[in-house]
Protein backbone atom coordinates (compact mmCIF):
# COMPACT_ATOMS: atom_id res chain seq x y z
CA MET A 1 75.10 10.76 123.51
CA ARG A 2 75.65 13.82 125.68
CA VAL A 3 78.91 13.93 127.65
CA LEU A 4 79.90 16.30 130.45
CA GLY A 5 83.65 16.76 130.70
CA VAL A 6 85.08 18.08 133.97
CA ASP A 7 88.57 19.55 134.33
CA PRO A 8 88.73 19.52 138.15
CA GLY A 9 90.22 22.31 140.19
CA LEU A 10 89.45 24.34 143.28
CA THR A 11 90.08 27.81 141.91
CA ARG A 12 88.65 27.05 138.45
CA CYS A 13 86.73 23.86 137.74
CA GLY A 14 86.13 23.71 134.00
CA TRP A 15 83.12 21.95 132.53
CA GLY A 16 82.00 21.37 128.97
CA VAL A 17 79.12 19.45 127.42
CA VAL A 18 79.06 18.00 123.91
CA ASP A 19 76.57 15.92 121.93
CA GLY A 20 77.59 13.32 119.37
CA LEU A 21 78.43 9.74 118.53
CA PRO A 22 81.77 7.99 118.03
CA GLY A 23 83.03 8.69 114.52
CA ARG A 24 80.57 11.54 114.01
CA ARG A 25 80.83 15.30 114.30
CA ALA A 26 80.37 16.55 117.87
CA ARG A 27 78.35 19.62 118.77
CA LEU A 28 78.92 22.06 121.63
CA VAL A 29 76.02 22.21 124.09
CA ASP A 30 77.51 24.55 126.69
CA VAL A 31 80.78 25.32 128.46
CA GLY A 32 81.85 27.19 131.56
CA VAL A 33 83.93 27.36 134.69
CA VAL A 34 82.98 27.16 138.36
CA ARG A 35 85.19 29.64 140.23
CA THR A 36 85.91 29.76 143.95
CA PRO A 37 87.76 32.41 145.97
CA THR A 38 91.23 31.29 147.03
CA ASP A 39 90.79 32.79 150.50
CA ALA A 40 87.58 30.85 151.29
CA PRO A 41 87.73 27.81 153.60
CA LEU A 42 88.26 24.50 151.79
CA ALA A 43 84.83 23.12 152.70
CA GLU A 44 83.11 26.22 151.26
CA ARG A 45 85.14 25.96 148.06
CA LEU A 46 84.22 22.30 147.62
CA LEU A 47 80.57 23.16 148.26
CA ALA A 48 80.72 25.88 145.59
CA VAL A 49 82.20 23.41 143.09
CA ALA A 50 79.48 20.89 143.99
CA GLU A 51 76.67 23.42 143.63
CA GLY A 52 78.02 24.65 140.30
CA LEU A 53 78.33 21.15 138.86
CA GLU A 54 74.93 20.10 140.26
CA GLY A 55 73.39 22.99 138.36
CA VAL A 56 75.09 21.87 135.14
CA LEU A 57 73.92 18.27 135.64
CA ALA A 58 70.33 19.33 136.33
CA ARG A 59 70.16 21.81 133.45
CA LEU A 60 71.99 19.90 130.70
CA LEU A 61 71.16 16.26 131.59
CA PRO A 62 74.28 14.47 130.32
CA ASP A 63 74.35 10.72 129.64
CA ALA A 64 77.89 10.32 130.98
CA VAL A 65 80.56 12.24 132.85
CA ALA A 66 84.27 12.24 131.99
CA VAL A 67 86.71 13.58 134.59
CA GLU A 68 90.42 14.21 134.22
CA ARG A 69 92.33 11.46 136.01
CA VAL A 70 94.44 12.93 138.79
CA PHE A 71 98.11 12.03 138.69
CA ALA A 72 100.99 12.74 141.07
CA ARG A 73 102.94 15.97 140.64
CA ALA A 74 105.54 17.73 142.72
CA ASP A 75 103.09 20.42 143.89
CA VAL A 76 101.16 18.57 146.61
CA SER A 77 98.82 21.47 147.42
CA THR A 78 97.65 21.65 143.79
CA ILE A 79 97.20 17.90 143.46
CA MET A 80 95.16 17.73 146.68
CA GLY A 81 92.73 20.42 145.52
CA THR A 82 92.43 18.80 142.11
CA ALA A 83 91.80 15.38 143.66
CA GLN A 84 89.16 16.80 146.01
CA ALA A 85 87.33 18.59 143.17
CA SER A 86 87.59 15.42 141.07
CA GLY A 87 85.98 13.42 143.88
CA VAL A 88 83.13 15.93 144.10
CA ALA A 89 82.45 15.60 140.35
CA MET A 90 82.51 11.79 140.44
CA MET A 91 80.26 11.65 143.51
CA LEU A 92 77.68 13.96 141.91
CA ALA A 93 77.65 11.86 138.74
CA ALA A 94 77.22 8.67 140.77
CA ARG A 95 74.42 10.25 142.78
CA ALA A 96 72.69 11.12 139.50
CA GLY A 97 73.08 7.51 138.34
CA LEU A 98 75.45 8.48 135.54
CA PRO A 99 78.43 6.43 134.38
CA VAL A 100 81.76 8.09 135.14
CA ALA A 101 85.03 7.65 133.30
CA THR A 102 88.44 9.13 133.94
CA HIS A 103 90.98 9.97 131.25
CA THR A 104 94.60 11.00 131.69
CA PRO A 105 95.75 14.34 130.30
CA SER A 106 97.90 12.54 127.70
CA GLU A 107 94.91 10.43 126.54
CA VAL A 108 92.85 13.58 126.11
CA LYS A 109 95.60 15.46 124.28
CA ALA A 110 96.19 12.50 121.95
CA ALA A 111 92.46 12.20 121.22
CA VAL A 112 91.99 15.83 120.17
CA THR A 113 95.42 16.75 118.75
CA GLY A 114 97.00 13.43 117.80
CA GLU A 115 99.88 14.15 120.20
CA GLY A 116 99.88 13.09 123.87
CA ARG A 117 102.32 15.86 124.80
CA ALA A 118 100.45 18.72 123.12
CA GLY A 119 100.37 22.05 124.92
CA LYS A 120 97.30 23.85 126.19
CA GLU A 121 97.32 26.19 123.17
CA GLN A 122 97.21 23.23 120.77
CA VAL A 123 94.36 21.62 122.71
CA THR A 124 92.36 24.86 122.69
CA THR A 125 92.98 25.35 118.97
CA MET A 126 91.86 21.83 118.11
CA VAL A 127 88.77 21.98 120.34
CA THR A 128 87.82 25.24 118.59
CA ARG A 129 88.24 23.60 115.16
CA ILE A 130 86.58 20.30 116.02
CA LEU A 131 83.49 21.98 117.45
CA GLU A 132 83.54 24.70 114.75
CA LEU A 133 83.41 27.45 117.36
CA GLU A 134 83.58 31.11 116.41
CA GLU A 135 85.61 31.92 119.54
CA ARG A 136 88.17 29.96 121.52
CA PRO A 137 86.83 28.61 124.82
CA ARG A 138 88.38 30.58 127.70
CA PRO A 139 89.93 30.04 130.15
CA ALA A 140 91.99 26.95 129.29
CA ASP A 141 90.07 24.97 131.96
CA ALA A 142 86.91 25.28 129.84
CA ALA A 143 88.73 24.11 126.69
CA ASP A 144 90.27 21.21 128.63
CA ALA A 145 86.81 20.15 129.86
CA LEU A 146 85.52 20.12 126.27
CA ALA A 147 88.56 18.07 125.23
CA LEU A 148 87.73 15.56 127.98
CA ALA A 149 84.15 15.26 126.75
CA LEU A 150 85.34 14.79 123.15
CA CYS A 151 87.90 12.18 124.21
CA HIS A 152 85.25 10.19 126.05
CA LEU A 153 82.76 10.49 123.22
CA TRP A 154 85.25 9.35 120.59
CA ARG A 155 86.60 6.49 122.66
CA GLY A 156 83.07 5.13 122.87
CA GLY A 157 83.30 5.20 126.64
CA PRO A 158 81.52 2.75 128.90
CA THR A 159 78.22 4.53 128.33
CA ILE A 160 77.65 3.69 124.67
CA GLY A 161 74.54 1.55 124.51
CA THR A 162 73.61 2.02 128.17
CA THR A 163 70.17 3.41 127.45
CA ASN A 164 67.23 1.66 125.90
CA GLY A 165 67.61 3.51 122.59
CA ARG A 166 65.06 6.16 123.52
CA GLY A 167 67.29 8.05 125.92
CA ALA A 168 65.59 6.54 128.96
CA PRO A 169 67.75 5.04 131.72
CA THR A 170 68.45 1.33 131.67
CA ALA A 171 67.31 -0.94 134.49
CA ALA A 172 70.84 -0.80 135.92
CA GLN A 173 70.84 3.01 135.89
CA ASN A 174 67.44 3.06 137.59
CA ALA A 175 68.66 0.62 140.23
CA TRP A 176 71.75 2.75 140.82
CA ALA A 177 69.66 5.92 141.16
CA SER A 178 67.32 4.17 143.64
CA ALA A 179 70.24 2.91 145.71
CA ALA A 180 71.84 6.37 145.72
CA ALA A 181 68.56 7.96 146.83
CA ALA A 182 68.13 5.39 149.60
CA ALA A 183 71.68 5.93 150.80
CA SER A 184 71.15 9.69 150.72
CA ALA A 185 67.96 9.33 152.78
CA ARG A 186 69.79 7.22 155.38
CA THR A 187 72.54 9.85 155.77
CA SER A 188 70.45 13.01 155.43
CA TRP A 189 70.92 13.72 159.14
CA VAL A 190 74.60 14.43 158.41
CA ARG A 191 73.69 17.50 156.32
CA ARG A 192 71.52 19.17 158.96
């Protein structure tokens, strides 16, 4: 199974892709960050995040997408940007007919470090060890995205067994993709 993990954010949206099976060693496929300028209008920043993630989806063809679950914090401006970027990631996955799961930061930390309150340094260290990387993924958003993908993979997310065993989409995934394409065709006038 190939999982794309997304650590949503407007300034830096981390993404990481791993291959593996629950209970087996995972392998890094690719990792990166979509960056947007802080002085750009919100709509342009969201478009940049969308275009960056669309490229990752098209190039790496994941079987599932795991996105960090947004939770309330005191800093409303940060939470709004994170929620908006999260929505973009989930919408793109749905459009591609991919199952989407969300995991809380504490779930992810517990999955990769054994401690739900682990710090970013601990998460990065464990991701580096688990994937047997020569260098630590940087920035932390990239490491967090890989941790999300690992968490989803190891928890045997809702996508285990959703293909026909040959990597081809199931009937349900094909139906979803057809419905998404039809809906997109009906609303294409909005994008012009």
